[in-house]
Amino acid sequence: MRAGDWPWLTRAGWSPELAGTQYHWAELPLQAWIAPARGLPIRPGPRCVIEVDGRRAGYIGRNPLSGHLEYFLAPWARGGTGARAIAAFLRTGRVGDRRRSFVVSHRNHRSLAALRRALGAAGLVEGTHWWLVDGRFGWRLTVAADEPTGG
């Protein structure tokens, strides 16, 4: 993340296209606060803007409100970019890190598939290294705290 990424991140994170898939409709009013806060160091931990061919394409990092990990990609950047970005991001994990959780809307099958591909590519096994729990508004995918993730 660089200071110059903040305006793009705010516009991209506030996109109406994300409502109902990237986040639940009930969270829509909160996006006025969450979208600009993604660029601020409110939650500790790594965060980054994903670039494809020199263009800003997405974001991965902690949601400033919930603390869960989140990511999103521009539609033009899809097609394998998400899984590669997630795997690279999770490689920053270190022994002693807390568990890393993603919450994925029930309607966002593409993101859930990308998460599964990324974890599989890193050699992580469901039920041993990561868990998927179905919740009221979506799935929670949690990566174990002390697992090396693709080192």
N, C-alpha and C. Protein backbone atom coordinates (compact mmCIF):
# COMPACT_ATOMS: atom_id res chain seq x y z
N MET A 1 0.84 -1.18 0.00
CA MET A 1 0.00 0.00 0.00
C MET A 1 0.88 1.24 0.00
N ARG A 2 0.52 2.17 -0.83
CA ARG A 2 1.17 3.47 -0.87
C ARG A 2 0.10 4.54 -0.68
N ALA A 3 0.51 5.71 -0.24
CA ALA A 3 -0.44 6.80 -0.01
C ALA A 3 -1.23 7.10 -1.28
N GLY A 4 -0.60 7.00 -2.44
CA GLY A 4 -1.27 7.28 -3.71
C GLY A 4 -2.34 6.27 -4.08
N ASP A 5 -2.37 5.14 -3.38
CA ASP A 5 -3.39 4.11 -3.65
C ASP A 5 -4.72 4.44 -2.99
N TRP A 6 -4.73 5.32 -2.01
CA TRP A 6 -5.92 5.58 -1.21
C TRP A 6 -7.14 6.02 -2.04
N PRO A 7 -7.02 6.99 -2.95
CA PRO A 7 -8.22 7.39 -3.72
C PRO A 7 -8.77 6.24 -4.57
N TRP A 8 -7.89 5.48 -5.23
CA TRP A 8 -8.36 4.36 -6.04
C TRP A 8 -9.03 3.31 -5.15
N LEU A 9 -8.40 2.98 -4.03
CA LEU A 9 -8.94 1.98 -3.12
C LEU A 9 -10.31 2.38 -2.59
N THR A 10 -10.48 3.65 -2.29
CA THR A 10 -11.77 4.14 -1.80
C THR A 10 -12.85 3.97 -2.87
N ARG A 11 -12.56 4.40 -4.10
CA ARG A 11 -13.54 4.27 -5.19
C ARG A 11 -13.84 2.80 -5.49
N ALA A 12 -12.80 1.99 -5.59
CA ALA A 12 -12.99 0.57 -5.93
C ALA A 12 -13.74 -0.17 -4.83
N GLY A 13 -13.44 0.12 -3.58
CA GLY A 13 -14.08 -0.57 -2.47
C GLY A 13 -15.51 -0.14 -2.23
N TRP A 14 -15.89 0.98 -2.79
CA TRP A 14 -17.24 1.51 -2.61
C TRP A 14 -18.14 1.19 -3.82
N SER A 15 -17.63 0.40 -4.73
CA SER A 15 -18.36 0.09 -5.95
C SER A 15 -19.66 -0.65 -5.64
N PRO A 16 -20.78 -0.20 -6.20
CA PRO A 16 -22.06 -0.88 -5.99
C PRO A 16 -22.06 -2.31 -6.52
N GLU A 17 -21.14 -2.63 -7.46
CA GLU A 17 -21.05 -3.99 -7.99
C GLU A 17 -20.69 -5.00 -6.90
N LEU A 18 -20.05 -4.55 -5.83
CA LEU A 18 -19.61 -5.46 -4.77
C LEU A 18 -20.73 -5.83 -3.80
N ALA A 19 -21.78 -5.01 -3.74
CA ALA A 19 -22.88 -5.28 -2.82
C ALA A 19 -23.60 -6.56 -3.22
N GLY A 20 -23.84 -7.40 -2.24
CA GLY A 20 -24.54 -8.64 -2.47
C GLY A 20 -23.64 -9.81 -2.83
N THR A 21 -22.40 -9.51 -3.25
CA THR A 21 -21.45 -10.59 -3.51
C THR A 21 -20.21 -10.44 -2.64
N GLN A 22 -19.53 -9.31 -2.73
CA GLN A 22 -18.33 -9.11 -1.92
C GLN A 22 -18.68 -8.88 -0.45
N TYR A 23 -19.74 -8.16 -0.21
CA TYR A 23 -20.23 -7.97 1.15
C TYR A 23 -21.75 -8.03 1.12
N HIS A 24 -22.30 -8.31 2.29
CA HIS A 24 -23.74 -8.48 2.41
C HIS A 24 -24.44 -7.12 2.24
N TRP A 25 -25.67 -7.15 1.71
CA TRP A 25 -26.44 -5.91 1.52
C TRP A 25 -26.59 -5.12 2.81
N ALA A 26 -26.67 -5.82 3.94
CA ALA A 26 -26.82 -5.14 5.23
C ALA A 26 -25.61 -4.27 5.55
N GLU A 27 -24.45 -4.58 4.94
CA GLU A 27 -23.23 -3.82 5.18
C GLU A 27 -23.09 -2.60 4.27
N LEU A 28 -23.98 -2.46 3.30
CA LEU A 28 -23.87 -1.38 2.33
C LEU A 28 -23.71 0.00 2.98
N PRO A 29 -24.51 0.37 3.98
CA PRO A 29 -24.31 1.69 4.60
C PRO A 29 -22.94 1.85 5.26
N LEU A 30 -22.38 0.75 5.73
CA LEU A 30 -21.06 0.81 6.38
C LEU A 30 -19.93 1.07 5.40
N GLN A 31 -20.15 0.79 4.12
CA GLN A 31 -19.09 0.95 3.13
C GLN A 31 -18.63 2.41 3.01
N ALA A 32 -19.50 3.36 3.34
CA ALA A 32 -19.10 4.77 3.31
C ALA A 32 -17.95 5.01 4.29
N TRP A 33 -17.85 4.22 5.34
CA TRP A 33 -16.76 4.34 6.30
C TRP A 33 -15.64 3.34 5.99
N ILE A 34 -16.02 2.10 5.64
CA ILE A 34 -15.04 1.04 5.44
C ILE A 34 -14.17 1.30 4.21
N ALA A 35 -14.76 1.70 3.08
CA ALA A 35 -14.00 1.88 1.85
C ALA A 35 -12.82 2.84 2.03
N PRO A 36 -13.01 4.04 2.56
CA PRO A 36 -11.85 4.91 2.74
C PRO A 36 -10.92 4.44 3.87
N ALA A 37 -11.44 3.72 4.85
CA ALA A 37 -10.61 3.29 5.97
C ALA A 37 -9.65 2.16 5.59
N ARG A 38 -9.91 1.47 4.48
CA ARG A 38 -9.00 0.40 4.05
C ARG A 38 -7.59 0.93 3.80
N GLY A 39 -7.49 2.16 3.40
CA GLY A 39 -6.18 2.74 3.13
C GLY A 39 -5.48 3.32 4.34
N LEU A 40 -6.10 3.25 5.49
CA LEU A 40 -5.50 3.79 6.72
C LEU A 40 -5.00 2.65 7.60
N PRO A 41 -3.96 2.88 8.38
CA PRO A 41 -3.40 1.81 9.23
C PRO A 41 -4.21 1.58 10.51
N ILE A 42 -5.52 1.34 10.38
CA ILE A 42 -6.37 1.14 11.55
C ILE A 42 -6.15 -0.25 12.14
N ARG A 43 -6.12 -1.27 11.29
CA ARG A 43 -5.89 -2.65 11.72
C ARG A 43 -4.45 -3.02 11.39
N PRO A 44 -3.71 -3.58 12.35
CA PRO A 44 -2.34 -3.99 12.06
C PRO A 44 -2.32 -5.19 11.12
N GLY A 45 -1.21 -5.38 10.49
CA GLY A 45 -1.03 -6.53 9.61
C GLY A 45 -0.82 -6.11 8.18
N PRO A 46 -0.39 -7.05 7.37
CA PRO A 46 -0.11 -6.72 5.97
C PRO A 46 -1.38 -6.42 5.18
N ARG A 47 -1.25 -5.57 4.20
CA ARG A 47 -2.32 -5.26 3.27
C ARG A 47 -1.66 -4.75 2.00
N CYS A 48 -2.30 -4.97 0.90
CA CYS A 48 -1.68 -4.54 -0.34
C CYS A 48 -2.72 -4.31 -1.42
N VAL A 49 -2.32 -3.53 -2.41
CA VAL A 49 -3.09 -3.36 -3.63
C VAL A 49 -2.51 -4.35 -4.62
N ILE A 50 -3.39 -5.07 -5.30
CA ILE A 50 -2.99 -6.05 -6.30
C ILE A 50 -2.88 -5.34 -7.64
N GLU A 51 -1.74 -5.50 -8.30
CA GLU A 51 -1.55 -4.91 -9.62
C GLU A 51 -1.39 -6.00 -10.66
N VAL A 52 -1.97 -5.79 -11.82
CA VAL A 52 -1.83 -6.69 -12.95
C VAL A 52 -1.39 -5.84 -14.13
N ASP A 53 -0.26 -6.19 -14.71
CA ASP A 53 0.28 -5.44 -15.85
C ASP A 53 0.39 -3.95 -15.55
N GLY A 54 0.79 -3.61 -14.33
CA GLY A 54 0.99 -2.22 -13.95
C GLY A 54 -0.27 -1.44 -13.62
N ARG A 55 -1.43 -2.10 -13.64
CA ARG A 55 -2.70 -1.44 -13.32
C ARG A 55 -3.22 -1.95 -11.99
N ARG A 56 -3.78 -1.05 -11.20
CA ARG A 56 -4.42 -1.47 -9.95
C ARG A 56 -5.61 -2.36 -10.29
N ALA A 57 -5.63 -3.54 -9.66
CA ALA A 57 -6.67 -4.52 -9.99
C ALA A 57 -7.47 -4.97 -8.79
N GLY A 58 -6.97 -4.77 -7.58
CA GLY A 58 -7.70 -5.25 -6.42
C GLY A 58 -6.99 -4.94 -5.12
N TYR A 59 -7.49 -5.54 -4.06
CA TYR A 59 -7.00 -5.28 -2.70
C TYR A 59 -7.08 -6.56 -1.89
N ILE A 60 -6.13 -6.73 -0.98
CA ILE A 60 -6.20 -7.79 0.01
C ILE A 60 -5.62 -7.25 1.31
N GLY A 61 -6.32 -7.51 2.41
CA GLY A 61 -5.88 -7.05 3.72
C GLY A 61 -7.00 -7.21 4.74
N ARG A 62 -6.82 -6.64 5.90
CA ARG A 62 -7.83 -6.75 6.96
C ARG A 62 -8.94 -5.73 6.75
N ASN A 63 -10.18 -6.18 6.92
CA ASN A 63 -11.31 -5.27 6.90
C ASN A 63 -11.17 -4.36 8.12
N PRO A 64 -11.24 -3.04 7.96
CA PRO A 64 -11.04 -2.14 9.09
C PRO A 64 -12.10 -2.26 10.18
N LEU A 65 -13.26 -2.78 9.85
CA LEU A 65 -14.33 -2.92 10.84
C LEU A 65 -14.26 -4.27 11.56
N SER A 66 -14.26 -5.36 10.80
CA SER A 66 -14.33 -6.69 11.40
C SER A 66 -12.96 -7.28 11.74
N GLY A 67 -11.92 -6.87 11.04
CA GLY A 67 -10.60 -7.47 11.23
C GLY A 67 -10.38 -8.73 10.43
N HIS A 68 -11.44 -9.24 9.76
CA HIS A 68 -11.28 -10.41 8.89
C HIS A 68 -10.50 -10.00 7.66
N LEU A 69 -9.83 -10.97 7.05
CA LEU A 69 -9.16 -10.70 5.79
C LEU A 69 -10.20 -10.60 4.69
N GLU A 70 -9.94 -9.76 3.73
CA GLU A 70 -10.83 -9.59 2.60
C GLU A 70 -10.01 -9.33 1.36
N TYR A 71 -10.60 -9.61 0.22
CA TYR A 71 -9.96 -9.24 -1.03
C TYR A 71 -11.04 -9.01 -2.06
N PHE A 72 -10.70 -8.22 -3.05
CA PHE A 72 -11.59 -8.05 -4.19
C PHE A 72 -10.75 -7.75 -5.41
N LEU A 73 -11.29 -8.08 -6.57
CA LEU A 73 -10.62 -7.84 -7.84
C LEU A 73 -11.57 -7.17 -8.81
N ALA A 74 -11.01 -6.33 -9.67
CA ALA A 74 -11.78 -5.76 -10.77
C ALA A 74 -12.16 -6.91 -11.71
N PRO A 75 -13.33 -6.86 -12.31
CA PRO A 75 -13.75 -7.95 -13.21
C PRO A 75 -12.74 -8.26 -14.31
N TRP A 76 -12.05 -7.26 -14.84
CA TRP A 76 -11.10 -7.50 -15.92
C TRP A 76 -9.88 -8.29 -15.46
N ALA A 77 -9.63 -8.36 -14.15
CA ALA A 77 -8.43 -9.03 -13.64
C ALA A 77 -8.70 -10.47 -13.21
N ARG A 78 -9.91 -10.93 -13.32
CA ARG A 78 -10.25 -12.27 -12.86
C ARG A 78 -9.73 -13.33 -13.83
N GLY A 79 -9.73 -14.56 -13.35
CA GLY A 79 -9.25 -15.66 -14.19
C GLY A 79 -7.96 -16.24 -13.65
N GLY A 80 -7.87 -16.40 -12.34
CA GLY A 80 -6.68 -16.98 -11.72
C GLY A 80 -5.88 -16.00 -10.88
N THR A 81 -6.11 -14.70 -11.10
CA THR A 81 -5.36 -13.69 -10.34
C THR A 81 -5.66 -13.77 -8.85
N GLY A 82 -6.91 -14.00 -8.48
CA GLY A 82 -7.29 -14.04 -7.07
C GLY A 82 -6.55 -15.12 -6.30
N ALA A 83 -6.52 -16.33 -6.83
CA ALA A 83 -5.85 -17.43 -6.14
C ALA A 83 -4.36 -17.14 -5.99
N ARG A 84 -3.73 -16.61 -7.03
CA ARG A 84 -2.28 -16.29 -6.94
C ARG A 84 -2.03 -15.18 -5.92
N ALA A 85 -2.90 -14.16 -5.90
CA ALA A 85 -2.73 -13.06 -4.95
C ALA A 85 -2.92 -13.53 -3.51
N ILE A 86 -3.92 -14.37 -3.28
CA ILE A 86 -4.16 -14.88 -1.92
C ILE A 86 -2.98 -15.72 -1.45
N ALA A 87 -2.50 -16.62 -2.30
CA ALA A 87 -1.37 -17.47 -1.93
C ALA A 87 -0.15 -16.61 -1.59
N ALA A 88 0.13 -15.60 -2.42
CA ALA A 88 1.27 -14.72 -2.15
C ALA A 88 1.07 -13.96 -0.84
N PHE A 89 -0.14 -13.49 -0.59
CA PHE A 89 -0.42 -12.75 0.64
C PHE A 89 -0.26 -13.64 1.86
N LEU A 90 -0.77 -14.86 1.80
CA LEU A 90 -0.67 -15.77 2.95
C LEU A 90 0.76 -16.22 3.21
N ARG A 91 1.62 -16.14 2.23
CA ARG A 91 3.03 -16.49 2.44
C ARG A 91 3.72 -15.54 3.42
N THR A 92 3.10 -14.39 3.69
CA THR A 92 3.68 -13.46 4.66
C THR A 92 3.46 -13.93 6.08
N GLY A 93 2.68 -15.01 6.26
CA GLY A 93 2.41 -15.53 7.60
C GLY A 93 3.68 -16.02 8.27
N ARG A 94 3.76 -15.83 9.56
CA ARG A 94 4.92 -16.25 10.34
C ARG A 94 4.45 -17.08 11.52
N VAL A 95 5.30 -17.97 12.00
CA VAL A 95 4.96 -18.73 13.20
C VAL A 95 4.64 -17.73 14.29
N GLY A 96 3.56 -17.95 15.00
CA GLY A 96 3.12 -17.03 16.05
C GLY A 96 2.01 -16.09 15.59
N ASP A 97 1.74 -16.04 14.26
CA ASP A 97 0.63 -15.22 13.77
C ASP A 97 -0.68 -15.74 14.33
N ARG A 98 -1.65 -14.84 14.47
CA ARG A 98 -2.99 -15.28 14.85
C ARG A 98 -3.66 -15.92 13.65
N ARG A 99 -4.75 -16.62 13.91
CA ARG A 99 -5.50 -17.20 12.81
C ARG A 99 -5.93 -16.11 11.84
N ARG A 100 -5.96 -16.48 10.58
CA ARG A 100 -6.36 -15.54 9.55
C ARG A 100 -7.67 -16.02 8.96
N SER A 101 -8.71 -15.20 9.06
CA SER A 101 -10.04 -15.60 8.61
C SER A 101 -10.54 -14.71 7.47
N PHE A 102 -11.16 -15.36 6.51
CA PHE A 102 -11.89 -14.69 5.44
C PHE A 102 -13.37 -14.98 5.67
N VAL A 103 -14.23 -14.03 5.43
CA VAL A 103 -15.67 -14.27 5.44
C VAL A 103 -16.15 -14.00 4.02
N VAL A 104 -16.82 -14.99 3.43
CA VAL A 104 -17.24 -14.91 2.03
C VAL A 104 -18.76 -15.05 1.97
N SER A 105 -19.40 -14.13 1.29
CA SER A 105 -20.85 -14.17 1.09
C SER A 105 -21.27 -15.50 0.47
N HIS A 106 -22.45 -15.99 0.84
CA HIS A 106 -22.97 -17.21 0.24
C HIS A 106 -23.12 -17.08 -1.28
N ARG A 107 -23.27 -15.88 -1.77
CA ARG A 107 -23.45 -15.66 -3.21
C ARG A 107 -22.14 -15.54 -3.97
N ASN A 108 -21.01 -15.49 -3.26
CA ASN A 108 -19.73 -15.25 -3.91
C ASN A 108 -18.94 -16.55 -4.08
N HIS A 109 -19.44 -17.42 -4.93
CA HIS A 109 -18.80 -18.72 -5.16
C HIS A 109 -17.42 -18.57 -5.79
N ARG A 110 -17.23 -17.52 -6.59
CA ARG A 110 -15.93 -17.30 -7.24
C ARG A 110 -14.84 -17.06 -6.20
N SER A 111 -15.12 -16.23 -5.18
CA SER A 111 -14.11 -15.96 -4.15
C SER A 111 -13.82 -17.20 -3.31
N LEU A 112 -14.85 -17.96 -2.98
CA LEU A 112 -14.64 -19.18 -2.21
C LEU A 112 -13.77 -20.16 -3.00
N ALA A 113 -14.02 -20.30 -4.29
CA ALA A 113 -13.22 -21.20 -5.12
C ALA A 113 -11.77 -20.71 -5.20
N ALA A 114 -11.57 -19.40 -5.31
CA ALA A 114 -10.21 -18.85 -5.36
C ALA A 114 -9.47 -19.12 -4.04
N LEU A 115 -10.16 -18.96 -2.92
CA LEU A 115 -9.54 -19.25 -1.62
C LEU A 115 -9.14 -20.72 -1.54
N ARG A 116 -10.01 -21.61 -1.94
CA ARG A 116 -9.70 -23.05 -1.91
C ARG A 116 -8.52 -23.37 -2.81
N ARG A 117 -8.47 -22.80 -4.00
CA ARG A 117 -7.35 -23.04 -4.93
C ARG A 117 -6.04 -22.54 -4.34
N ALA A 118 -6.08 -21.35 -3.73
CA ALA A 118 -4.86 -20.78 -3.16
C ALA A 118 -4.33 -21.65 -2.02
N LEU A 119 -5.20 -22.11 -1.16
CA LEU A 119 -4.77 -22.93 -0.04
C LEU A 119 -4.27 -24.28 -0.51
N GLY A 120 -4.93 -24.86 -1.51
CA GLY A 120 -4.47 -26.13 -2.07
C GLY A 120 -3.11 -25.99 -2.72
N ALA A 121 -2.90 -24.90 -3.45
CA ALA A 121 -1.61 -24.66 -4.09
C ALA A 121 -0.49 -24.49 -3.06
N ALA A 122 -0.86 -24.00 -1.87
CA ALA A 122 0.13 -23.83 -0.81
C ALA A 122 0.35 -25.12 -0.02
N GLY A 123 -0.37 -26.19 -0.40
CA GLY A 123 -0.21 -27.47 0.28
C GLY A 123 -0.96 -27.58 1.59
N LEU A 124 -1.92 -26.69 1.81
CA LEU A 124 -2.68 -26.71 3.05
C LEU A 124 -3.93 -27.57 2.88
N VAL A 125 -4.23 -28.36 3.89
CA VAL A 125 -5.31 -29.34 3.83
C VAL A 125 -6.49 -28.89 4.69
N GLU A 126 -7.70 -28.96 4.10
CA GLU A 126 -8.91 -28.61 4.85
C GLU A 126 -9.09 -29.58 6.02
N GLY A 127 -9.40 -29.04 7.18
CA GLY A 127 -9.59 -29.84 8.38
C GLY A 127 -8.31 -30.03 9.19
N THR A 128 -7.17 -29.75 8.57
CA THR A 128 -5.88 -29.84 9.26
C THR A 128 -5.24 -28.47 9.38
N HIS A 129 -5.15 -27.76 8.25
CA HIS A 129 -4.52 -26.44 8.21
C HIS A 129 -5.53 -25.30 8.10
N TRP A 130 -6.71 -25.60 7.59
CA TRP A 130 -7.74 -24.58 7.47
C TRP A 130 -9.11 -25.22 7.59
N TRP A 131 -10.12 -24.38 7.95
CA TRP A 131 -11.47 -24.84 8.20
C TRP A 131 -12.47 -23.92 7.52
N LEU A 132 -13.58 -24.49 7.09
CA LEU A 132 -14.66 -23.74 6.49
C LEU A 132 -15.91 -23.96 7.32
N VAL A 133 -16.52 -22.87 7.79
CA VAL A 133 -17.72 -22.94 8.62
C VAL A 133 -18.80 -22.11 7.94
N ASP A 134 -19.98 -22.69 7.80
CA ASP A 134 -21.11 -21.99 7.19
C ASP A 134 -21.80 -21.15 8.27
N GLY A 135 -21.97 -19.87 8.00
CA GLY A 135 -22.62 -18.97 8.95
C GLY A 135 -23.88 -18.36 8.36
N ARG A 136 -24.49 -17.49 9.11
CA ARG A 136 -25.75 -16.88 8.70
C ARG A 136 -25.62 -16.06 7.41
N PHE A 137 -24.55 -15.26 7.30
CA PHE A 137 -24.38 -14.38 6.15
C PHE A 137 -23.35 -14.87 5.15
N GLY A 138 -22.64 -15.95 5.48
CA GLY A 138 -21.62 -16.45 4.56
C GLY A 138 -20.74 -17.50 5.21
N TRP A 139 -19.71 -17.87 4.48
CA TRP A 139 -18.75 -18.85 4.98
C TRP A 139 -17.60 -18.14 5.65
N ARG A 140 -17.08 -18.74 6.71
CA ARG A 140 -15.85 -18.25 7.34
C ARG A 140 -14.78 -19.29 7.07
N LEU A 141 -13.74 -18.89 6.37
CA LEU A 141 -12.61 -19.76 6.10
C LEU A 141 -11.46 -19.28 6.96
N THR A 142 -10.97 -20.16 7.84
CA THR A 142 -9.93 -19.78 8.79
C THR A 142 -8.69 -20.63 8.56
N VAL A 143 -7.54 -19.96 8.44
CA VAL A 143 -6.25 -20.62 8.28
C VAL A 143 -5.61 -20.67 9.67
N ALA A 144 -5.07 -21.86 10.03
CA ALA A 144 -4.47 -22.04 11.36
C ALA A 144 -3.37 -21.02 11.60
N ALA A 145 -3.22 -20.65 12.85
CA ALA A 145 -2.29 -19.59 13.23
C ALA A 145 -0.83 -19.93 12.99
N ASP A 146 -0.40 -21.10 13.37
CA ASP A 146 1.02 -21.41 13.33
C ASP A 146 1.42 -22.28 12.16
N GLU A 147 0.65 -22.23 11.09
CA GLU A 147 0.98 -23.04 9.91
C GLU A 147 1.86 -22.23 8.97
N PRO A 148 2.93 -22.85 8.49
CA PRO A 148 3.66 -22.19 7.40
C PRO A 148 2.76 -22.19 6.17
N THR A 149 2.67 -21.09 5.50
CA THR A 149 1.72 -21.00 4.37
C THR A 149 2.46 -20.75 3.08
N GLY A 150 3.09 -21.76 2.59
CA GLY A 150 3.67 -21.67 1.26
C GLY A 150 5.10 -21.19 1.22
N GLY A 151 5.68 -20.89 2.38
CA GLY A 151 7.03 -20.42 2.58
C GLY A 151 7.90 -20.44 1.45
